[in-house]
Structure formats: structure tokens, C-alpha cells
N, C-alpha and C. Protein backbone atom coordinates (compact mmCIF):
# COMPACT_ATOMS: atom_id res chain seq x y z
N MET A 1 -15.66 23.84 -44.11
CA MET A 1 -15.28 23.85 -42.73
C MET A 1 -13.76 23.84 -42.66
N THR A 2 -13.23 24.62 -41.76
CA THR A 2 -11.79 24.61 -41.53
C THR A 2 -11.53 24.43 -40.05
N ILE A 3 -10.48 23.72 -39.76
CA ILE A 3 -10.04 23.53 -38.38
C ILE A 3 -8.55 23.91 -38.35
N PRO A 4 -8.26 25.22 -38.37
CA PRO A 4 -6.87 25.64 -38.53
C PRO A 4 -5.97 25.34 -37.34
N SER A 5 -6.52 25.19 -36.17
CA SER A 5 -5.65 24.96 -35.02
C SER A 5 -6.23 23.89 -34.10
N LEU A 6 -6.52 22.74 -34.67
CA LEU A 6 -7.01 21.60 -33.90
C LEU A 6 -5.88 21.06 -33.04
N ILE A 7 -6.07 21.06 -31.74
CA ILE A 7 -5.04 20.58 -30.83
C ILE A 7 -5.53 19.28 -30.20
N VAL A 8 -4.83 18.20 -30.47
CA VAL A 8 -5.15 16.90 -29.89
C VAL A 8 -3.86 16.29 -29.36
N ALA A 9 -3.99 15.39 -28.41
CA ALA A 9 -2.81 14.74 -27.85
C ALA A 9 -3.14 13.29 -27.50
N THR A 10 -2.15 12.44 -27.64
CA THR A 10 -2.32 11.04 -27.28
C THR A 10 -1.28 10.60 -26.25
N TYR A 11 -0.45 11.54 -25.83
CA TYR A 11 0.62 11.20 -24.90
C TYR A 11 0.94 12.43 -24.06
N GLY A 12 1.12 12.23 -22.75
CA GLY A 12 1.47 13.32 -21.86
C GLY A 12 0.26 14.07 -21.37
N GLY A 13 0.49 15.06 -20.55
CA GLY A 13 -0.60 15.89 -20.01
C GLY A 13 -1.65 15.06 -19.31
N GLY A 14 -2.91 15.32 -19.61
CA GLY A 14 -4.02 14.61 -18.97
C GLY A 14 -4.34 13.28 -19.59
N THR A 15 -3.59 12.87 -20.61
CA THR A 15 -3.91 11.61 -21.28
C THR A 15 -3.64 10.38 -20.42
N GLY A 16 -2.93 10.56 -19.31
CA GLY A 16 -2.65 9.45 -18.41
C GLY A 16 -3.74 9.23 -17.37
N MET A 17 -4.71 10.13 -17.31
CA MET A 17 -5.81 9.97 -16.36
C MET A 17 -6.68 8.81 -16.81
N ALA A 18 -7.31 8.14 -15.87
CA ALA A 18 -8.02 6.89 -16.14
C ALA A 18 -9.04 7.01 -17.27
N THR A 19 -9.93 7.98 -17.19
CA THR A 19 -10.99 8.10 -18.20
C THR A 19 -10.41 8.45 -19.57
N GLN A 20 -9.49 9.40 -19.61
CA GLN A 20 -8.89 9.80 -20.87
C GLN A 20 -8.12 8.64 -21.49
N GLN A 21 -7.39 7.91 -20.66
CA GLN A 21 -6.61 6.77 -21.15
C GLN A 21 -7.54 5.70 -21.71
N GLU A 22 -8.64 5.44 -21.02
CA GLU A 22 -9.60 4.43 -21.49
C GLU A 22 -10.20 4.83 -22.85
N CYS A 23 -10.57 6.10 -22.98
CA CYS A 23 -11.13 6.58 -24.25
C CYS A 23 -10.12 6.45 -25.38
N LEU A 24 -8.88 6.82 -25.13
CA LEU A 24 -7.85 6.69 -26.17
C LEU A 24 -7.62 5.22 -26.53
N GLU A 25 -7.69 4.32 -25.54
CA GLU A 25 -7.53 2.90 -25.82
C GLU A 25 -8.68 2.37 -26.66
N ILE A 26 -9.91 2.81 -26.37
CA ILE A 26 -11.07 2.38 -27.14
C ILE A 26 -10.90 2.78 -28.61
N LEU A 27 -10.37 3.98 -28.84
CA LEU A 27 -10.16 4.47 -30.20
C LEU A 27 -8.87 3.93 -30.82
N ASP A 28 -8.11 3.15 -30.05
CA ASP A 28 -6.80 2.65 -30.46
C ASP A 28 -5.87 3.80 -30.83
N CYS A 29 -5.90 4.85 -30.02
CA CYS A 29 -5.09 6.04 -30.26
C CYS A 29 -4.17 6.37 -29.09
N ASP A 30 -3.97 5.45 -28.16
CA ASP A 30 -3.15 5.75 -27.00
C ASP A 30 -1.67 5.65 -27.33
N GLY A 31 -0.89 6.47 -26.66
CA GLY A 31 0.55 6.45 -26.82
C GLY A 31 1.06 7.36 -27.91
N PRO A 32 2.37 7.61 -27.87
CA PRO A 32 2.97 8.49 -28.88
C PRO A 32 2.85 7.87 -30.27
N GLY A 33 2.74 8.72 -31.26
CA GLY A 33 2.68 8.25 -32.64
C GLY A 33 1.27 8.06 -33.18
N ASN A 34 0.26 8.27 -32.34
CA ASN A 34 -1.12 8.08 -32.79
C ASN A 34 -1.91 9.38 -32.88
N VAL A 35 -1.22 10.49 -32.78
CA VAL A 35 -1.92 11.77 -32.76
C VAL A 35 -2.61 12.07 -34.09
N ASN A 36 -2.01 11.68 -35.20
CA ASN A 36 -2.65 11.92 -36.50
C ASN A 36 -3.95 11.14 -36.63
N LYS A 37 -3.96 9.92 -36.12
CA LYS A 37 -5.17 9.10 -36.15
C LYS A 37 -6.27 9.77 -35.33
N LEU A 38 -5.93 10.27 -34.15
CA LEU A 38 -6.92 10.94 -33.30
C LEU A 38 -7.42 12.22 -33.97
N ALA A 39 -6.54 12.97 -34.62
CA ALA A 39 -6.94 14.18 -35.34
C ALA A 39 -7.88 13.84 -36.49
N GLU A 40 -7.62 12.75 -37.18
CA GLU A 40 -8.50 12.32 -38.27
C GLU A 40 -9.88 11.95 -37.74
N ILE A 41 -9.93 11.27 -36.61
CA ILE A 41 -11.22 10.90 -36.01
C ILE A 41 -11.99 12.15 -35.61
N ALA A 42 -11.31 13.11 -35.00
CA ALA A 42 -11.96 14.36 -34.60
C ALA A 42 -12.48 15.12 -35.82
N ALA A 43 -11.69 15.20 -36.86
CA ALA A 43 -12.10 15.90 -38.08
C ALA A 43 -13.27 15.19 -38.76
N ALA A 44 -13.26 13.86 -38.78
CA ALA A 44 -14.36 13.10 -39.37
C ALA A 44 -15.65 13.31 -38.59
N THR A 45 -15.55 13.42 -37.27
CA THR A 45 -16.72 13.66 -36.44
C THR A 45 -17.31 15.03 -36.75
N VAL A 46 -16.46 16.03 -36.89
CA VAL A 46 -16.92 17.37 -37.24
C VAL A 46 -17.56 17.36 -38.63
N LEU A 47 -16.93 16.68 -39.58
CA LEU A 47 -17.48 16.58 -40.93
C LEU A 47 -18.85 15.91 -40.93
N ALA A 48 -19.02 14.86 -40.14
CA ALA A 48 -20.32 14.18 -40.05
C ALA A 48 -21.39 15.12 -39.50
N GLY A 49 -21.04 15.89 -38.49
CA GLY A 49 -21.98 16.86 -37.94
C GLY A 49 -22.35 17.94 -38.93
N GLU A 50 -21.38 18.45 -39.66
CA GLU A 50 -21.64 19.47 -40.67
C GLU A 50 -22.50 18.92 -41.80
N THR A 51 -22.24 17.69 -42.20
CA THR A 51 -23.04 17.06 -43.26
C THR A 51 -24.48 16.88 -42.81
N SER A 52 -24.67 16.43 -41.58
CA SER A 52 -26.02 16.25 -41.03
C SER A 52 -26.76 17.58 -40.95
N LEU A 53 -26.08 18.60 -40.47
CA LEU A 53 -26.69 19.93 -40.37
C LEU A 53 -27.04 20.47 -41.75
N GLY A 54 -26.14 20.34 -42.70
CA GLY A 54 -26.40 20.81 -44.06
C GLY A 54 -27.58 20.09 -44.69
N ALA A 55 -27.68 18.78 -44.46
CA ALA A 55 -28.80 18.01 -45.01
C ALA A 55 -30.12 18.45 -44.37
N ALA A 56 -30.11 18.69 -43.07
CA ALA A 56 -31.33 19.13 -42.39
C ALA A 56 -31.78 20.49 -42.89
N ILE A 57 -30.85 21.39 -43.08
CA ILE A 57 -31.19 22.73 -43.59
C ILE A 57 -31.70 22.63 -45.03
N SER A 58 -31.04 21.82 -45.86
CA SER A 58 -31.45 21.67 -47.25
C SER A 58 -32.85 21.08 -47.38
N ALA A 59 -33.21 20.19 -46.46
CA ALA A 59 -34.51 19.54 -46.49
C ALA A 59 -35.58 20.36 -45.77
N SER A 60 -35.21 21.56 -45.33
CA SER A 60 -36.12 22.41 -44.54
C SER A 60 -36.67 21.66 -43.33
N ASP A 61 -35.82 20.88 -42.73
CA ASP A 61 -36.21 20.04 -41.60
C ASP A 61 -35.34 20.34 -40.38
N TRP A 62 -34.82 21.56 -40.31
CA TRP A 62 -33.84 21.91 -39.30
C TRP A 62 -34.40 21.88 -37.89
N VAL A 63 -35.60 22.37 -37.68
CA VAL A 63 -36.15 22.47 -36.33
C VAL A 63 -37.33 21.54 -36.08
N THR A 64 -37.67 20.69 -37.03
CA THR A 64 -38.82 19.82 -36.88
C THR A 64 -38.71 18.93 -35.65
N GLY A 65 -37.54 18.38 -35.42
CA GLY A 65 -37.35 17.51 -34.25
C GLY A 65 -37.60 18.24 -32.95
N HIS A 66 -37.12 19.46 -32.85
CA HIS A 66 -37.33 20.25 -31.64
C HIS A 66 -38.81 20.58 -31.45
N GLU A 67 -39.46 20.91 -32.54
CA GLU A 67 -40.88 21.25 -32.47
C GLU A 67 -41.71 20.04 -32.07
N SER A 68 -41.40 18.88 -32.63
CA SER A 68 -42.19 17.68 -32.33
C SER A 68 -41.99 17.21 -30.90
N LEU A 69 -40.87 17.54 -30.30
CA LEU A 69 -40.60 17.14 -28.92
C LEU A 69 -40.94 18.25 -27.92
N GLY A 70 -41.56 19.33 -28.42
CA GLY A 70 -41.96 20.41 -27.53
C GLY A 70 -40.81 21.26 -27.03
N ARG A 71 -39.71 21.28 -27.77
CA ARG A 71 -38.53 22.06 -27.35
C ARG A 71 -38.44 23.38 -28.08
N ASP A 72 -39.55 23.84 -28.62
CA ASP A 72 -39.56 25.08 -29.38
C ASP A 72 -39.95 26.27 -28.52
N ARG A 73 -40.00 26.09 -27.22
CA ARG A 73 -40.40 27.18 -26.33
C ARG A 73 -39.23 27.83 -25.66
């Protein structure tokens, strides 16, 4: 997986809006100087998703959940 142009921000723009500010505070990423931490969190989240997807495909269990819940239509 590559993320060649991941754009994240912890200061300025919409980061001062209430919901965005609260989320950044929960992650302890608010304010200038924390952008690398936020980028690492985003990349780790993507890596976790890719690992989960790869494991499901390897186990031939990719669509079992959808089928069991009737979402295969």
C-alpha cells in the first residue's frame, strides 16, 4: 500500500470547527506540531484495514459476513 499524497492538518482551516477540534483533542493531535502524529494514525488505520482485507481474502472468507446477513442481493 502506498499513500503518496496523504494530506492531513492539525492547525488552521477547518480544524477550528467544534467537531474537528474535539476529534483532534481526543487523538491528542490538536495544534501545530502534531501533524506527523495524525498522519501516523491515519496510515496505521489504513494498514489495519488492508491487513484485515488480506486476511479475509486469504481465508476465503471475504463475503461470508455479507452472505450470512443477507446482504448478497
